[in-house]
Amino acid sequence: MSIITDNTVLVHIYSGLESQNKITLGLLVALTAEKNDHKVTLFLAGDGVDILNCKQAGEIVGQGTGDLYEHLENLKNSKVTIYVSGMSAKSRGYDEKLLNGYKAEFAMPDLLIEESIKADSVLCY
């Protein structure tokens, strides 16, 4: 089986911490796509912005989908482009400190639309 490379993948995570399997699977898929030479964009919105607030290993672990903290640490060393909904973050009391340590920036919904149109594949969790 050959793997197609050089595609663009948008992973949109809007589920919150209570959806452990969804959020860890979303990050696992984003990291796997990047590892397989795809251009990956991650867009966190809604309750999905809360995942960047995970501060320790073992705090959130999906069933067969990994540890949220470990995925976040791997994201810091990846080429994945990360956008965080500024509106979602602000409404949940977050400021720029949420982005510390990540190559991330706040974005508005129009960027999510733009990235989804450009992507070869859009995966939502």
PDB file of N, CA and C in Angstrom:
ATOM      1  N   MET A   1       0.836  -1.172   0.000  1.00  0.00           N
ATOM      2  CA  MET A   1       0.000   0.000   0.000  1.00  0.00           C
ATOM      3  C   MET A   1       0.888   1.244   0.000  1.00  0.00           C
ATOM      4  N   SER A   2       0.686   2.123  -0.940  1.00  0.00           N
ATOM      5  CA  SER A   2       1.471   3.358  -0.972  1.00  0.00           C
ATOM      6  C   SER A   2       0.687   4.487  -0.321  1.00  0.00           C
ATOM      7  N   ILE A   3       1.422   5.372   0.313  1.00  0.00           N
ATOM      8  CA  ILE A   3       0.807   6.516   0.967  1.00  0.00           C
ATOM      9  C   ILE A   3       1.035   7.740   0.099  1.00  0.00           C
ATOM     10  N   ILE A   4      -0.042   8.442  -0.215  1.00  0.00           N
ATOM     11  CA  ILE A   4       0.049   9.675  -0.978  1.00  0.00           C
ATOM     12  C   ILE A   4       0.601  10.753  -0.049  1.00  0.00           C
ATOM     13  N   THR A   5       1.559  11.525  -0.523  1.00  0.00           N
ATOM     14  CA  THR A   5       2.136  12.597   0.281  1.00  0.00           C
ATOM     15  C   THR A   5       1.896  13.939  -0.398  1.00  0.00           C
ATOM     16  N   ASP A   6       2.285  14.988   0.271  1.00  0.00           N
ATOM     17  CA  ASP A   6       2.196  16.355  -0.237  1.00  0.00           C
ATOM     18  C   ASP A   6       0.772  16.892  -0.367  1.00  0.00           C
ATOM     19  N   ASN A   7      -0.178  16.328   0.328  1.00  0.00           N
ATOM     20  CA  ASN A   7      -1.527  16.876   0.371  1.00  0.00           C
ATOM     21  C   ASN A   7      -1.637  17.846   1.529  1.00  0.00           C
ATOM     22  N   THR A   8      -2.644  18.673   1.479  1.00  0.00           N
ATOM     23  CA  THR A   8      -2.914  19.573   2.604  1.00  0.00           C
ATOM     24  C   THR A   8      -4.087  19.012   3.400  1.00  0.00           C
ATOM     25  N   VAL A   9      -3.908  18.996   4.709  1.00  0.00           N
ATOM     26  CA  VAL A   9      -4.907  18.439   5.612  1.00  0.00           C
ATOM     27  C   VAL A   9      -5.247  19.492   6.660  1.00  0.00           C
ATOM     28  N   LEU A  10      -6.526  19.759   6.814  1.00  0.00           N
ATOM     29  CA  LEU A  10      -7.007  20.639   7.877  1.00  0.00           C
ATOM     30  C   LEU A  10      -7.658  19.761   8.935  1.00  0.00           C
ATOM     31  N   VAL A  11      -7.181  19.867  10.162  1.00  0.00           N
ATOM     32  CA  VAL A  11      -7.792  19.164  11.288  1.00  0.00           C
ATOM     33  C   VAL A  11      -8.443  20.225  12.156  1.00  0.00           C
ATOM     34  N   HIS A  12      -9.763  20.135  12.273  1.00  0.00           N
ATOM     35  CA  HIS A  12     -10.542  21.107  13.043  1.00  0.00           C
ATOM     36  C   HIS A  12     -11.030  20.415  14.324  1.00  0.00           C
ATOM     37  N   ILE A  13     -10.536  20.871  15.464  1.00  0.00           N
ATOM     38  CA  ILE A  13     -10.963  20.301  16.745  1.00  0.00           C
ATOM     39  C   ILE A  13     -11.813  21.339  17.462  1.00  0.00           C
ATOM     40  N   TYR A  14     -13.058  20.967  17.725  1.00  0.00           N
ATOM     41  CA  TYR A  14     -13.985  21.847  18.436  1.00  0.00           C
ATOM     42  C   TYR A  14     -14.568  21.171  19.665  1.00  0.00           C
ATOM     43  N   SER A  15     -14.238  19.901  19.867  1.00  0.00           N
ATOM     44  CA  SER A  15     -14.702  19.171  21.053  1.00  0.00           C
ATOM     45  C   SER A  15     -13.854  19.551  22.252  1.00  0.00           C
ATOM     46  N   GLY A  16     -14.439  19.415  23.426  1.00  0.00           N
ATOM     47  CA  GLY A  16     -13.747  19.789  24.649  1.00  0.00           C
ATOM     48  C   GLY A  16     -13.104  18.617  25.367  1.00  0.00           C
ATOM     49  N   LEU A  17     -12.577  18.911  26.539  1.00  0.00           N
ATOM     50  CA  LEU A  17     -11.827  17.934  27.330  1.00  0.00           C
ATOM     51  C   LEU A  17     -12.642  16.710  27.739  1.00  0.00           C
ATOM     52  N   GLU A  18     -13.970  16.861  27.796  1.00  0.00           N
ATOM     53  CA  GLU A  18     -14.799  15.708  28.165  1.00  0.00           C
ATOM     54  C   GLU A  18     -14.819  14.657  27.052  1.00  0.00           C
ATOM     55  N   SER A  19     -14.440  15.045  25.835  1.00  0.00           N
ATOM     56  CA  SER A  19     -14.384  14.128  24.683  1.00  0.00           C
ATOM     57  C   SER A  19     -12.947  13.670  24.465  1.00  0.00           C
ATOM     58  N   GLN A  20     -12.425  12.955  25.455  1.00  0.00           N
ATOM     59  CA  GLN A  20     -11.018  12.568  25.460  1.00  0.00           C
ATOM     60  C   GLN A  20     -10.582  11.867  24.178  1.00  0.00           C
ATOM     61  N   ASN A  21     -11.405  10.943  23.699  1.00  0.00           N
ATOM     62  CA  ASN A  21     -11.029  10.190  22.506  1.00  0.00           C
ATOM     63  C   ASN A  21     -11.011  11.069  21.265  1.00  0.00           C
ATOM     64  N   LYS A  22     -11.967  11.972  21.148  1.00  0.00           N
ATOM     65  CA  LYS A  22     -12.008  12.847  19.970  1.00  0.00           C
ATOM     66  C   LYS A  22     -10.805  13.778  19.917  1.00  0.00           C
ATOM     67  N   ILE A  23     -10.502  14.422  21.022  1.00  0.00           N
ATOM     68  CA  ILE A  23      -9.418  15.415  20.983  1.00  0.00           C
ATOM     69  C   ILE A  23      -8.049  14.755  20.829  1.00  0.00           C
ATOM     70  N   THR A  24      -7.850  13.627  21.485  1.00  0.00           N
ATOM     71  CA  THR A  24      -6.554  12.955  21.324  1.00  0.00           C
ATOM     72  C   THR A  24      -6.435  12.330  19.932  1.00  0.00           C
ATOM     73  N   LEU A  25      -7.536  11.820  19.391  1.00  0.00           N
ATOM     74  CA  LEU A  25      -7.503  11.274  18.031  1.00  0.00           C
ATOM     75  C   LEU A  25      -7.225  12.389  17.024  1.00  0.00           C
ATOM     76  N   GLY A  26      -7.850  13.542  17.202  1.00  0.00           N
ATOM     77  CA  GLY A  26      -7.602  14.661  16.296  1.00  0.00           C
ATOM     78  C   GLY A  26      -6.136  15.055  16.257  1.00  0.00           C
ATOM     79  N   LEU A  27      -5.516  15.133  17.420  1.00  0.00           N
ATOM     80  CA  LEU A  27      -4.098  15.482  17.464  1.00  0.00           C
ATOM     81  C   LEU A  27      -3.224  14.362  16.922  1.00  0.00           C
ATOM     82  N   LEU A  28      -3.568  13.120  17.230  1.00  0.00           N
ATOM     83  CA  LEU A  28      -2.822  11.978  16.707  1.00  0.00           C
ATOM     84  C   LEU A  28      -2.853  11.971  15.176  1.00  0.00           C
ATOM     85  N   VAL A  29      -4.015  12.225  14.608  1.00  0.00           N
ATOM     86  CA  VAL A  29      -4.158  12.256  13.159  1.00  0.00           C
ATOM     87  C   VAL A  29      -3.356  13.410  12.558  1.00  0.00           C
ATOM     88  N   ALA A  30      -3.419  14.583  13.176  1.00  0.00           N
ATOM     89  CA  ALA A  30      -2.651  15.736  12.677  1.00  0.00           C
ATOM     90  C   ALA A  30      -1.158  15.431  12.687  1.00  0.00           C
ATOM     91  N   LEU A  31      -0.670  14.874  13.775  1.00  0.00           N
ATOM     92  CA  LEU A  31       0.757  14.555  13.880  1.00  0.00           C
ATOM     93  C   LEU A  31       1.163  13.452  12.910  1.00  0.00           C
ATOM     94  N   THR A  32       0.291  12.472  12.715  1.00  0.00           N
ATOM     95  CA  THR A  32       0.578  11.379  11.785  1.00  0.00           C
ATOM     96  C   THR A  32       0.616  11.896  10.351  1.00  0.00           C
ATOM     97  N   ALA A  33      -0.308  12.772  10.009  1.00  0.00           N
ATOM     98  CA  ALA A  33      -0.317  13.349   8.660  1.00  0.00           C
ATOM     99  C   ALA A  33       0.961  14.152   8.411  1.00  0.00           C
ATOM    100  N   GLU A  34       1.365  14.930   9.395  1.00  0.00           N
ATOM    101  CA  GLU A  34       2.590  15.723   9.254  1.00  0.00           C
ATOM    102  C   GLU A  34       3.817  14.811   9.120  1.00  0.00           C
ATOM    103  N   LYS A  35       3.833  13.747   9.892  1.00  0.00           N
ATOM    104  CA  LYS A  35       4.936  12.776   9.832  1.00  0.00           C
ATOM    105  C   LYS A  35       5.012  12.114   8.456  1.00  0.00           C
ATOM    106  N   ASN A  36       3.868  12.007   7.784  1.00  0.00           N
ATOM    107  CA  ASN A  36       3.802  11.400   6.454  1.00  0.00           C
ATOM    108  C   ASN A  36       3.899  12.448   5.341  1.00  0.00           C
ATOM    109  N   ASP A  37       4.533  13.576   5.673  1.00  0.00           N
ATOM    110  CA  ASP A  37       4.862  14.619   4.693  1.00  0.00           C
ATOM    111  C   ASP A  37       3.671  15.358   4.098  1.00  0.00           C
ATOM    112  N   HIS A  38       2.601  15.471   4.851  1.00  0.00           N
ATOM    113  CA  HIS A  38       1.483  16.310   4.430  1.00  0.00           C
ATOM    114  C   HIS A  38       1.632  17.675   5.084  1.00  0.00           C
ATOM    115  N   LYS A  39       1.110  18.691   4.456  1.00  0.00           N
ATOM    116  CA  LYS A  39       1.064  20.021   5.040  1.00  0.00           C
ATOM    117  C   LYS A  39      -0.197  20.057   5.904  1.00  0.00           C
ATOM    118  N   VAL A  40      -0.011  20.251   7.212  1.00  0.00           N
ATOM    119  CA  VAL A  40      -1.122  20.143   8.152  1.00  0.00           C
ATOM    120  C   VAL A  40      -1.390  21.482   8.819  1.00  0.00           C
ATOM    121  N   THR A  41      -2.675  21.817   8.849  1.00  0.00           N
ATOM    122  CA  THR A  41      -3.156  22.973   9.599  1.00  0.00           C
ATOM    123  C   THR A  41      -4.110  22.456  10.659  1.00  0.00           C
ATOM    124  N   LEU A  42      -3.921  22.929  11.878  1.00  0.00           N
ATOM    125  CA  LEU A  42      -4.789  22.580  13.001  1.00  0.00           C
ATOM    126  C   LEU A  42      -5.541  23.832  13.397  1.00  0.00           C
ATOM    127  N   PHE A  43      -6.859  23.741  13.455  1.00  0.00           N
ATOM    128  CA  PHE A  43      -7.677  24.876  13.879  1.00  0.00           C
ATOM    129  C   PHE A  43      -8.469  24.445  15.105  1.00  0.00           C
ATOM    130  N   LEU A  44      -8.229  25.123  16.226  1.00  0.00           N
ATOM    131  CA  LEU A  44      -8.940  24.839  17.475  1.00  0.00           C
ATOM    132  C   LEU A  44     -10.017  25.898  17.673  1.00  0.00           C
ATOM    133  N   ALA A  45     -11.233  25.457  17.892  1.00  0.00           N
ATOM    134  CA  ALA A  45     -12.345  26.388  18.092  1.00  0.00           C
ATOM    135  C   ALA A  45     -13.303  25.820  19.123  1.00  0.00           C
ATOM    136  N   GLY A  46     -14.233  26.649  19.577  1.00  0.00           N
ATOM    137  CA  GLY A  46     -15.196  26.211  20.574  1.00  0.00           C
ATOM    138  C   GLY A  46     -14.484  25.674  21.799  1.00  0.00           C
ATOM    139  N   ASP A  47     -14.990  24.566  22.326  1.00  0.00           N
ATOM    140  CA  ASP A  47     -14.375  23.952  23.503  1.00  0.00           C
ATOM    141  C   ASP A  47     -12.994  23.377  23.203  1.00  0.00           C
ATOM    142  N   GLY A  48     -12.646  23.243  21.925  1.00  0.00           N
ATOM    143  CA  GLY A  48     -11.337  22.721  21.541  1.00  0.00           C
ATOM    144  C   GLY A  48     -10.176  23.595  21.979  1.00  0.00           C
ATOM    145  N   VAL A  49     -10.436  24.880  22.247  1.00  0.00           N
ATOM    146  CA  VAL A  49      -9.331  25.743  22.686  1.00  0.00           C
ATOM    147  C   VAL A  49      -8.819  25.318  24.057  1.00  0.00           C
ATOM    148  N   ASP A  50      -9.664  24.650  24.840  1.00  0.00           N
ATOM    149  CA  ASP A  50      -9.270  24.217  26.183  1.00  0.00           C
ATOM    150  C   ASP A  50      -8.127  23.202  26.172  1.00  0.00           C
ATOM    151  N   ILE A  51      -7.916  22.513  25.051  1.00  0.00           N
ATOM    152  CA  ILE A  51      -6.884  21.473  25.056  1.00  0.00           C
ATOM    153  C   ILE A  51      -5.495  22.051  25.270  1.00  0.00           C
ATOM    154  N   LEU A  52      -5.272  23.291  24.866  1.00  0.00           N
ATOM    155  CA  LEU A  52      -3.944  23.893  25.058  1.00  0.00           C
ATOM    156  C   LEU A  52      -3.646  24.185  26.520  1.00  0.00           C
ATOM    157  N   ASN A  53      -4.629  24.045  27.369  1.00  0.00           N
ATOM    158  CA  ASN A  53      -4.458  24.303  28.795  1.00  0.00           C
ATOM    159  C   ASN A  53      -4.034  23.056  29.571  1.00  0.00           C
ATOM    160  N   CYS A  54      -3.839  21.938  28.882  1.00  0.00           N
ATOM    161  CA  CYS A  54      -3.391  20.695  29.523  1.00  0.00           C
ATOM    162  C   CYS A  54      -1.930  20.859  29.932  1.00  0.00           C
ATOM    163  N   LYS A  55      -1.621  20.664  31.203  1.00  0.00           N
ATOM    164  CA  LYS A  55      -0.283  20.963  31.720  1.00  0.00           C
ATOM    165  C   LYS A  55       0.518  19.764  32.194  1.00  0.00           C
ATOM    166  N   GLN A  56      -0.082  18.553  32.183  1.00  0.00           N
ATOM    167  CA  GLN A  56       0.687  17.409  32.682  1.00  0.00           C
ATOM    168  C   GLN A  56       0.277  16.109  31.998  1.00  0.00           C
ATOM    169  N   ALA A  57       1.247  15.219  31.872  1.00  0.00           N
ATOM    170  CA  ALA A  57       1.001  13.896  31.300  1.00  0.00           C
ATOM    171  C   ALA A  57       0.017  13.138  32.178  1.00  0.00           C
ATOM    172  N   GLY A  58      -0.812  12.338  31.541  1.00  0.00           N
ATOM    173  CA  GLY A  58      -1.776  11.513  32.258  1.00  0.00           C
ATOM    174  C   GLY A  58      -3.069  12.220  32.617  1.00  0.00           C
ATOM    175  N   GLU A  59      -3.134  13.521  32.392  1.00  0.00           N
ATOM    176  CA  GLU A  59      -4.337  14.300  32.729  1.00  0.00           C
ATOM    177  C   GLU A  59      -5.518  13.918  31.835  1.00  0.00           C
ATOM    178  N   ILE A  60      -5.260  13.823  30.535  1.00  0.00           N
ATOM    179  CA  ILE A  60      -6.277  13.446  29.547  1.00  0.00           C
ATOM    180  C   ILE A  60      -5.663  12.384  28.652  1.00  0.00           C
ATOM    181  N   VAL A  61      -6.223  11.169  28.700  1.00  0.00           N
ATOM    182  CA  VAL A  61      -5.704  10.068  27.895  1.00  0.00           C
ATOM    183  C   VAL A  61      -6.870   9.398  27.181  1.00  0.00           C
ATOM    184  N   GLY A  62      -6.784   9.336  25.858  1.00  0.00           N
ATOM    185  CA  GLY A  62      -7.825   8.668  25.082  1.00  0.00           C
ATOM    186  C   GLY A  62      -7.596   7.164  25.056  1.00  0.00           C
ATOM    187  N   GLN A  63      -8.647   6.436  24.738  1.00  0.00           N
ATOM    188  CA  GLN A  63      -8.539   4.981  24.651  1.00  0.00           C
ATOM    189  C   GLN A  63      -7.934   4.603  23.304  1.00  0.00           C
ATOM    190  N   GLY A  64      -6.660   4.275  23.318  1.00  0.00           N
ATOM    191  CA  GLY A  64      -5.972   3.894  22.092  1.00  0.00           C
ATOM    192  C   GLY A  64      -5.576   5.074  21.222  1.00  0.00           C
ATOM    193  N   THR A  65      -5.780   6.302  21.715  1.00  0.00           N
ATOM    194  CA  THR A  65      -5.479   7.486  20.907  1.00  0.00           C
ATOM    195  C   THR A  65      -4.413   8.375  21.541  1.00  0.00           C
ATOM    196  N   GLY A  66      -3.865   7.939  22.657  1.00  0.00           N
ATOM    197  CA  GLY A  66      -2.725   8.622  23.244  1.00  0.00           C
ATOM    198  C   GLY A  66      -3.028   9.636  24.327  1.00  0.00           C
ATOM    199  N   ASP A  67      -1.961  10.218  24.815  1.00  0.00           N
ATOM    200  CA  ASP A  67      -1.987  11.181  25.915  1.00  0.00           C
ATOM    201  C   ASP A  67      -1.991  12.598  25.336  1.00  0.00           C
ATOM    202  N   LEU A  68      -2.958  13.399  25.731  1.00  0.00           N
ATOM    203  CA  LEU A  68      -3.092  14.761  25.221  1.00  0.00           C
ATOM    204  C   LEU A  68      -1.820  15.566  25.431  1.00  0.00           C
ATOM    205  N   TYR A  69      -1.247  15.495  26.618  1.00  0.00           N
ATOM    206  CA  TYR A  69      -0.044  16.258  26.926  1.00  0.00           C
ATOM    207  C   TYR A  69       1.114  15.873  25.989  1.00  0.00           C
ATOM    208  N   GLU A  70       1.288  14.572  25.773  1.00  0.00           N
ATOM    209  CA  GLU A  70       2.362  14.109  24.883  1.00  0.00           C
ATOM    210  C   GLU A  70       2.137  14.595  23.448  1.00  0.00           C
ATOM    211  N   HIS A  71       0.883  14.544  22.989  1.00  0.00           N
ATOM    212  CA  HIS A  71       0.578  15.059  21.652  1.00  0.00           C
ATOM    213  C   HIS A  71       0.899  16.551  21.558  1.00  0.00           C
ATOM    214  N   LEU A  72       0.534  17.292  22.592  1.00  0.00           N
ATOM    215  CA  LEU A  72       0.804  18.734  22.587  1.00  0.00           C
ATOM    216  C   LEU A  72       2.303  19.014  22.573  1.00  0.00           C
ATOM    217  N   GLU A  73       3.064  18.241  23.335  1.00  0.00           N
ATOM    218  CA  GLU A  73       4.524  18.400  23.324  1.00  0.00           C
ATOM    219  C   GLU A  73       5.091  18.106  21.932  1.00  0.00           C
ATOM    220  N   ASN A  74       4.564  17.078  21.270  1.00  0.00           N
ATOM    221  CA  ASN A  74       5.015  16.751  19.918  1.00  0.00           C
ATOM    222  C   ASN A  74       4.630  17.840  18.917  1.00  0.00           C
ATOM    223  N   LEU A  75       3.489  18.472  19.140  1.00  0.00           N
ATOM    224  CA  LEU A  75       3.079  19.585  18.273  1.00  0.00           C
ATOM    225  C   LEU A  75       4.081  20.727  18.316  1.00  0.00           C
ATOM    226  N   LYS A  76       4.647  20.972  19.486  1.00  0.00           N
ATOM    227  CA  LYS A  76       5.603  22.069  19.641  1.00  0.00           C
ATOM    228  C   LYS A  76       6.825  21.885  18.751  1.00  0.00           C
ATOM    229  N   ASN A  77       7.152  20.643  18.429  1.00  0.00           N
ATOM    230  CA  ASN A  77       8.331  20.339  17.618  1.00  0.00           C
ATOM    231  C   ASN A  77       7.975  19.951  16.188  1.00  0.00           C
ATOM    232  N   SER A  78       6.753  20.212  15.789  1.00  0.00           N
ATOM    233  CA  SER A  78       6.308  19.832  14.446  1.00  0.00           C
ATOM    234  C   SER A  78       6.241  21.053  13.534  1.00  0.00           C
ATOM    235  N   LYS A  79       5.888  20.795  12.281  1.00  0.00           N
ATOM    236  CA  LYS A  79       5.683  21.867  11.310  1.00  0.00           C
ATOM    237  C   LYS A  79       4.198  22.168  11.130  1.00  0.00           C
ATOM    238  N   VAL A  80       3.357  21.637  12.013  1.00  0.00           N
ATOM    239  CA  VAL A  80       1.915  21.864  11.928  1.00  0.00           C
ATOM    240  C   VAL A  80       1.625  23.336  12.207  1.00  0.00           C
ATOM    241  N   THR A  81       0.840  23.947  11.324  1.00  0.00           N
ATOM    242  CA  THR A  81       0.393  25.319  11.531  1.00  0.00           C
ATOM    243  C   THR A  81      -0.812  25.285  12.461  1.00  0.00           C
ATOM    244  N   ILE A  82      -0.774  26.085  13.535  1.00  0.00           N
ATOM    245  CA  ILE A  82      -1.849  26.047  14.535  1.00  0.00           C
ATOM    246  C   ILE A  82      -2.546  27.397  14.601  1.00  0.00           C
ATOM    247  N   TYR A  83      -3.865  27.347  14.434  1.00  0.00           N
ATOM    248  CA  TYR A  83      -4.715  28.521  14.621  1.00  0.00           C
ATOM    249  C   TYR A  83      -5.680  28.231  15.759  1.00  0.00           C
ATOM    250  N   VAL A  84      -5.925  29.241  16.569  1.00  0.00           N
ATOM    251  CA  VAL A  84      -6.850  29.132  17.704  1.00  0.00           C
ATOM    252  C   VAL A  84      -7.902  30.204  17.532  1.00  0.00           C
ATOM    253  N   SER A  85      -9.144  29.820  17.617  1.00  0.00           N
ATOM    254  CA  SER A  85     -10.219  30.800  17.498  1.00  0.00           C
ATOM    255  C   SER A  85     -10.076  31.854  18.588  1.00  0.00           C
ATOM    256  N   GLY A  86      -9.848  33.086  18.172  1.00  0.00           N
ATOM    257  CA  GLY A  86      -9.724  34.179  19.132  1.00  0.00           C
ATOM    258  C   GLY A  86     -11.021  34.421  19.876  1.00  0.00           C
ATOM    259  N   MET A  87     -12.132  34.289  19.182  1.00  0.00           N
ATOM    260  CA  MET A  87     -13.441  34.496  19.815  1.00  0.00           C
ATOM    261  C   MET A  87     -13.709  33.418  20.864  1.00  0.00           C
ATOM    262  N   SER A  88     -13.394  32.161  20.524  1.00  0.00           N
ATOM    263  CA  SER A  88     -13.610  31.057  21.472  1.00  0.00           C
ATOM    264  C   SER A  88     -12.703  31.200  22.683  1.00  0.00           C
ATOM    265  N   ALA A  89     -11.445  31.568  22.451  1.00  0.00           N
ATOM    266  CA  ALA A  89     -10.499  31.729  23.556  1.00  0.00           C
ATOM    267  C   ALA A  89     -10.931  32.859  24.483  1.00  0.00           C
ATOM    268  N   LYS A  90     -11.267  33.998  23.906  1.00  0.00           N
ATOM    269  CA  LYS A  90     -11.659  35.158  24.705  1.00  0.00           C
ATOM    270  C   LYS A  90     -12.907  34.866  25.529  1.00  0.00           C
ATOM    271  N   SER A  91     -13.889  34.197  24.938  1.00  0.00           N
ATOM    272  CA  SER A  91     -15.132  33.908  25.658  1.00  0.00           C
ATOM    273  C   SER A  91     -14.924  32.909  26.798  1.00  0.00           C
ATOM    274  N   ARG A  92     -13.803  32.191  26.786  1.00  0.00           N
ATOM    275  CA  ARG A  92     -13.470  31.238  27.842  1.00  0.00           C
ATOM    276  C   ARG A  92     -12.431  31.796  28.813  1.00  0.00           C
ATOM    277  N   GLY A  93     -12.121  33.069  28.665  1.00  0.00           N
ATOM    278  CA  GLY A  93     -11.228  33.737  29.606  1.00  0.00           C
ATOM    279  C   GLY A  93      -9.747  33.601  29.313  1.00  0.00           C
ATOM    280  N   TYR A  94      -9.386  33.117  28.125  1.00  0.00           N
ATOM    281  CA  TYR A  94      -7.987  32.962  27.761  1.00  0.00           C
ATOM    282  C   TYR A  94      -7.464  34.229  27.086  1.00  0.00           C
ATOM    283  N   ASP A  95      -6.152  34.436  27.231  1.00  0.00           N
ATOM    284  CA  ASP A  95      -5.480  35.510  26.508  1.00  0.00           C
ATOM    285  C   ASP A  95      -4.266  34.910  25.803  1.00  0.00           C
ATOM    286  N   GLU A  96      -3.309  35.744  25.412  1.00  0.00           N
ATOM    287  CA  GLU A  96      -2.130  35.296  24.662  1.00  0.00           C
ATOM    288  C   GLU A  96      -1.315  34.237  25.397  1.00  0.00           C
ATOM    289  N   LYS A  97      -1.430  34.167  26.711  1.00  0.00           N
ATOM    290  CA  LYS A  97      -0.673  33.176  27.487  1.00  0.00           C
ATOM    291  C   LYS A  97      -1.030  31.747  27.075  1.00  0.00           C
ATOM    292  N   LEU A  98      -2.242  31.560  26.566  1.00  0.00           N
ATOM    293  CA  LEU A  98      -2.668  30.234  26.127  1.00  0.00           C
ATOM    294  C   LEU A  98      -1.760  29.706  25.018  1.00  0.00           C
ATOM    295  N   LEU A  99      -1.214  30.603  24.218  1.00  0.00           N
ATOM    296  CA  LEU A  99      -0.403  30.206  23.067  1.00  0.00           C
ATOM    297  C   LEU A  99       1.063  30.000  23.396  1.00  0.00           C
ATOM    298  N   ASN A 100       1.475  30.304  24.623  1.00  0.00           N
ATOM    299  CA  ASN A 100       2.883  30.188  25.015  1.00  0.00           C
ATOM    300  C   ASN A 100       3.422  28.790  24.745  1.00  0.00           C
ATOM    301  N   GLY A 101       4.548  28.746  24.078  1.00  0.00           N
ATOM    302  CA  GLY A 101       5.197  27.468  23.784  1.00  0.00           C
ATOM    303  C   GLY A 101       4.782  26.852  22.461  1.00  0.00           C
ATOM    304  N   TYR A 102       3.736  27.386  21.848  1.00  0.00           N
ATOM    305  CA  TYR A 102       3.248  26.852  20.574  1.00  0.00           C
ATOM    306  C   TYR A 102       3.523  27.845  19.458  1.00  0.00           C
ATOM    307  N   LYS A 103       3.744  27.322  18.271  1.00  0.00           N
ATOM    308  CA  LYS A 103       3.817  28.161  17.077  1.00  0.00           C
ATOM    309  C   LYS A 103       2.381  28.338  16.611  1.00  0.00           C
ATOM    310  N   ALA A 104       1.650  29.186  17.313  1.00  0.00           N
ATOM    311  CA  ALA A 104       0.215  29.340  17.081  1.00  0.00           C
ATOM    312  C   ALA A 104      -0.158  30.807  17.080  1.00  0.00           C
ATOM    313  N   GLU A 105      -1.311  31.072  16.492  1.00  0.00           N
ATOM    314  CA  GLU A 105      -1.832  32.428  16.516  1.00  0.00           C
ATOM    315  C   GLU A 105      -3.352  32.390  16.578  1.00  0.00           C
ATOM    316  N   PHE A 106      -3.912  33.473  17.094  1.00  0.00           N
ATOM    317  CA  PHE A 106      -5.362  33.593  17.129  1.00  0.00           C
ATOM    318  C   PHE A 106      -5.874  33.896  15.728  1.00  0.00           C
ATOM    319  N   ALA A 107      -7.051  33.388  15.426  1.00  0.00           N
ATOM    320  CA  ALA A 107      -7.643  33.585  14.104  1.00  0.00           C
ATOM    321  C   ALA A 107      -9.156  33.726  14.232  1.00  0.00           C
ATOM    322  N   MET A 108      -9.748  34.245  13.197  1.00  0.00           N
ATOM    323  CA  MET A 108     -11.193  34.442  13.129  1.00  0.00           C
ATOM    324  C   MET A 108     -11.810  33.373  12.219  1.00  0.00           C
ATOM    325  N   PRO A 109     -13.143  33.238  12.242  1.00  0.00           N
ATOM    326  CA  PRO A 109     -13.801  32.198  11.441  1.00  0.00           C
ATOM    327  C   PRO A 109     -13.510  32.274   9.937  1.00  0.00           C
ATOM    328  N   ASP A 110     -13.259  33.467   9.404  1.00  0.00           N
ATOM    329  CA  ASP A 110     -12.986  33.551   7.973  1.00  0.00           C
ATOM    330  C   ASP A 110     -11.730  32.773   7.587  1.00  0.00           C
ATOM    331  N   LEU A 111     -10.765  32.684   8.497  1.00  0.00           N
ATOM    332  CA  LEU A 111      -9.558  31.903   8.218  1.00  0.00           C
ATOM    333  C   LEU A 111      -9.871  30.403   8.201  1.00  0.00           C
ATOM    334  N   LEU A 112     -10.754  29.968   9.072  1.00  0.00           N
ATOM    335  CA  LEU A 112     -11.176  28.566   9.067  1.00  0.00           C
ATOM    336  C   LEU A 112     -11.821  28.223   7.721  1.00  0.00           C
ATOM    337  N   ILE A 113     -12.670  29.100   7.233  1.00  0.00           N
ATOM    338  CA  ILE A 113     -13.312  28.875   5.935  1.00  0.00           C
ATOM    339  C   ILE A 113     -12.260  28.821   4.827  1.00  0.00           C
ATOM    340  N   GLU A 114     -11.345  29.776   4.836  1.00  0.00           N
ATOM    341  CA  GLU A 114     -10.286  29.833   3.823  1.00  0.00           C
ATOM    342  C   GLU A 114      -9.438  28.564   3.834  1.00  0.00           C
ATOM    343  N   GLU A 115      -9.025  28.130   5.023  1.00  0.00           N
ATOM    344  CA  GLU A 115      -8.195  26.923   5.139  1.00  0.00           C
ATOM    345  C   GLU A 115      -8.962  25.679   4.709  1.00  0.00           C
ATOM    346  N   SER A 116     -10.257  25.617   4.997  1.00  0.00           N
ATOM    347  CA  SER A 116     -11.033  24.438   4.611  1.00  0.00           C
ATOM    348  C   SER A 116     -11.197  24.359   3.099  1.00  0.00           C
ATOM    349  N   ILE A 117     -11.321  25.504   2.438  1.00  0.00           N
ATOM    350  CA  ILE A 117     -11.441  25.520   0.981  1.00  0.00           C
ATOM    351  C   ILE A 117     -10.124  25.099   0.325  1.00  0.00           C
ATOM    352  N   LYS A 118      -9.001  25.522   0.889  1.00  0.00           N
ATOM    353  CA  LYS A 118      -7.680  25.192   0.333  1.00  0.00           C
ATOM    354  C   LYS A 118      -7.283  23.733   0.565  1.00  0.00           C
ATOM    355  N   ALA A 119      -7.792  23.124   1.610  1.00  0.00           N
ATOM    356  CA  ALA A 119      -7.335  21.777   2.011  1.00  0.00           C
ATOM    357  C   ALA A 119      -7.821  20.689   1.064  1.00  0.00           C
ATOM    358  N   ASP A 120      -6.976  19.677   0.902  1.00  0.00           N
ATOM    359  CA  ASP A 120      -7.395  18.479   0.150  1.00  0.00           C
ATOM    360  C   ASP A 120      -8.337  17.633   1.005  1.00  0.00           C
ATOM    361  N   SER A 121      -8.097  17.638   2.321  1.00  0.00           N
ATOM    362  CA  SER A 121      -8.934  16.869   3.251  1.00  0.00           C
ATOM    363  C   SER A 121      -9.195  17.716   4.497  1.00  0.00           C
ATOM    364  N   VAL A 122     -10.431  17.637   4.995  1.00  0.00           N
ATOM    365  CA  VAL A 122     -10.804  18.319   6.229  1.00  0.00           C
ATOM    366  C   VAL A 122     -11.328  17.259   7.191  1.00  0.00           C
ATOM    367  N   LEU A 123     -10.715  17.184   8.363  1.00  0.00           N
ATOM    368  CA  LEU A 123     -11.094  16.201   9.376  1.00  0.00           C
ATOM    369  C   LEU A 123     -11.548  16.956  10.610  1.00  0.00           C
ATOM    370  N   CYS A 124     -12.713  16.624  11.118  1.00  0.00           N
ATOM    371  CA  CYS A 124     -13.310  17.351  12.248  1.00  0.00           C
ATOM    372  C   CYS A 124     -13.500  16.444  13.451  1.00  0.00           C
ATOM    373  N   TYR A 125     -13.125  16.971  14.610  1.00  0.00           N
ATOM    374  CA  TYR A 125     -13.232  16.208  15.857  1.00  0.00           C
ATOM    375  C   TYR A 125     -13.840  17.074  16.930  1.00  0.00           C
TER     376      TYR A 125
END
